[in-house]
Amino acid sequence: MAGKEVAIKLEPVVEKQPSPLKHESKIYKTLMGGPGVPWMIWSGKQGDYNVLIIDLLGPSLEDLFKLCNRQFSLKTVLLIADQLVCTLFFFFGSPVETRLLRANCATSYPVLNSYIRTTLCTAISSPPTLLWAPVRPRT
């Protein structure tokens, strides 16, 4: 574990108030090992702070977009969409309450917008299964 990059979240301990960080750590415990979910290394109280330590996943999608001069290739957009759908299936199959997830996705490829929205809406409205096949958009 020495030399490993991690993300550390801190919040002051406030008596008689629920801790959002403790709730977040419970969610990480439930979802650990899923696609796009970092491993929780440790959570607890240290001094006057609640602490959560998780794996650092890497650069954000926005950072990568900037690195590519704010233009992704078609292949990159499709790989991102595939990852997103796999992650949504995982979340909807988990015991964690998934509120506020909407298929509101826009790309710089108008033809893909319909495909991605159709695929995501199908992923969200269908029960999770072990096998997934993309849905063709209506033409």
Protein backbone atom coordinates (compact mmCIF):
# COMPACT_ATOMS: atom_id res chain seq x y z
CA MET A 1 0.00 0.00 0.00
CA ALA A 2 2.98 2.31 0.38
CA GLY A 3 3.26 4.74 -2.50
CA LYS A 4 -0.33 4.19 -3.63
CA GLU A 5 -2.29 7.32 -4.58
CA VAL A 6 -5.54 7.71 -2.65
CA ALA A 7 -8.32 10.23 -2.21
CA ILE A 8 -8.94 11.42 1.35
CA LYS A 9 -12.22 13.03 2.34
CA LEU A 10 -12.58 14.82 5.67
CA GLU A 11 -15.51 16.36 7.49
CA PRO A 12 -15.64 17.84 10.99
CA VAL A 13 -17.48 15.73 13.53
CA VAL A 14 -20.74 17.47 14.46
CA GLU A 15 -22.53 16.06 17.47
CA LYS A 16 -26.20 15.07 17.09
CA GLN A 17 -26.16 15.34 13.29
CA PRO A 18 -25.99 12.47 10.79
CA SER A 19 -22.68 12.31 8.98
CA PRO A 20 -22.86 12.41 5.17
CA LEU A 21 -19.36 10.90 5.04
CA LYS A 22 -20.41 7.90 7.16
CA HIS A 23 -23.38 7.37 4.84
CA GLU A 24 -21.05 7.61 1.83
CA SER A 25 -18.72 5.02 3.36
CA LYS A 26 -21.65 2.60 3.78
CA ILE A 27 -22.47 3.03 0.10
CA TYR A 28 -18.84 2.36 -0.88
CA LYS A 29 -18.84 -0.81 1.26
CA THR A 30 -21.93 -2.01 -0.61
CA LEU A 31 -20.71 -1.11 -4.11
CA MET A 32 -16.98 -1.94 -3.84
CA GLY A 33 -15.75 -4.00 -6.76
CA GLY A 34 -18.33 -2.71 -9.22
CA PRO A 35 -17.42 -0.97 -12.47
CA GLY A 36 -16.24 2.58 -11.86
CA VAL A 37 -16.48 2.27 -8.08
CA PRO A 38 -13.28 2.89 -6.10
CA TRP A 39 -12.25 0.52 -3.31
CA MET A 40 -12.67 1.95 0.15
CA ILE A 41 -9.43 1.59 2.07
CA TRP A 42 -10.54 2.96 5.43
CA SER A 43 -13.24 5.04 7.06
CA GLY A 44 -13.68 6.13 10.62
CA LYS A 45 -13.11 8.90 13.10
CA GLN A 46 -9.69 10.47 13.61
CA GLY A 47 -9.56 13.24 16.19
CA ASP A 48 -12.24 15.80 15.40
CA TYR A 49 -12.81 14.52 11.87
CA ASN A 50 -14.67 11.77 10.07
CA VAL A 51 -12.32 10.34 7.46
CA LEU A 52 -12.90 8.36 4.26
CA ILE A 53 -9.96 7.00 2.25
CA ILE A 54 -10.65 5.53 -1.20
CA ASP A 55 -8.63 4.54 -4.25
CA LEU A 56 -7.84 7.37 -6.62
CA LEU A 57 -9.34 6.28 -9.93
CA GLY A 58 -7.40 8.61 -12.21
CA PRO A 59 -8.18 11.67 -14.27
CA SER A 60 -11.79 12.76 -14.63
CA LEU A 61 -13.64 12.55 -17.91
CA GLU A 62 -13.43 16.34 -18.14
CA ASP A 63 -9.63 16.22 -17.71
CA LEU A 64 -9.36 13.62 -20.47
CA PHE A 65 -11.65 15.69 -22.71
CA LYS A 66 -9.38 18.72 -22.25
CA LEU A 67 -6.32 16.54 -22.95
CA CYS A 68 -7.92 15.52 -26.29
CA ASN A 69 -8.46 19.18 -27.30
CA ARG A 70 -12.13 18.95 -26.31
CA GLN A 71 -12.94 16.40 -29.00
CA PHE A 72 -13.42 12.66 -28.50
CA SER A 73 -13.33 10.19 -31.37
CA LEU A 74 -16.36 8.10 -32.23
CA LYS A 75 -14.66 5.05 -30.71
CA THR A 76 -14.04 6.91 -27.44
CA VAL A 77 -17.67 8.06 -27.23
CA LEU A 78 -18.89 4.50 -27.79
CA LEU A 79 -16.51 3.11 -25.17
CA ILE A 80 -17.70 5.73 -22.66
CA ALA A 81 -21.35 4.90 -23.44
CA ASP A 82 -20.66 1.18 -22.99
CA GLN A 83 -18.96 1.81 -19.64
CA LEU A 84 -21.84 4.01 -18.53
CA VAL A 85 -24.45 1.39 -19.39
CA CYS A 86 -22.48 -1.34 -17.56
CA THR A 87 -22.20 0.91 -14.51
CA LEU A 88 -25.94 1.68 -14.59
CA PHE A 89 -26.78 -2.02 -14.75
CA PHE A 90 -24.55 -2.60 -11.75
CA PHE A 91 -26.16 0.23 -9.76
CA PHE A 92 -29.70 -0.90 -10.49
CA GLY A 93 -28.82 -4.44 -9.45
CA SER A 94 -27.39 -3.24 -6.13
CA PRO A 95 -29.28 -2.68 -2.88
CA VAL A 96 -28.33 1.01 -2.87
CA GLU A 97 -31.19 3.39 -3.61
CA THR A 98 -30.54 5.00 -6.99
CA ARG A 99 -32.29 8.32 -7.19
CA LEU A 100 -31.76 11.12 -9.67
CA LEU A 101 -30.28 8.94 -12.44
CA ARG A 102 -31.57 10.13 -15.77
CA ALA A 103 -30.67 9.35 -19.36
CA ASN A 104 -29.75 12.91 -20.23
CA CYS A 105 -26.75 12.49 -22.48
CA ALA A 106 -25.65 14.61 -25.40
CA THR A 107 -22.68 14.08 -27.65
CA SER A 108 -21.16 15.99 -30.51
CA TYR A 109 -22.37 13.15 -32.76
CA PRO A 110 -26.11 13.73 -33.38
CA VAL A 111 -26.60 10.21 -34.77
CA LEU A 112 -25.32 8.75 -31.50
CA ASN A 113 -27.58 10.86 -29.28
CA SER A 114 -30.64 8.80 -30.19
CA TYR A 115 -28.74 5.52 -29.84
CA ILE A 116 -27.25 6.41 -26.44
CA ARG A 117 -30.52 7.73 -25.04
CA THR A 118 -32.44 4.68 -26.27
CA THR A 119 -29.83 2.34 -24.82
CA LEU A 120 -29.73 4.15 -21.47
CA CYS A 121 -33.50 4.36 -21.19
CA THR A 122 -33.71 0.64 -21.88
CA ALA A 123 -30.98 -0.02 -19.31
CA ILE A 124 -32.79 2.06 -16.71
CA SER A 125 -36.28 0.67 -17.36
CA SER A 126 -35.30 -2.99 -17.77
CA PRO A 127 -34.37 -5.22 -14.86
CA PRO A 128 -30.63 -5.97 -14.75
CA THR A 129 -29.57 -9.23 -16.35
CA LEU A 130 -26.26 -10.97 -16.77
CA LEU A 131 -26.44 -10.67 -20.55
CA TRP A 132 -27.00 -7.34 -22.22
CA ALA A 133 -27.55 -6.58 -25.88
CA PRO A 134 -27.70 -3.03 -27.24
CA VAL A 135 -31.07 -1.84 -28.42
CA ARG A 136 -31.33 -0.38 -31.90
CA PRO A 137 -32.93 3.07 -32.03
CA ARG A 138 -36.16 3.47 -33.92
CA THR A 139 -35.70 5.07 -37.31
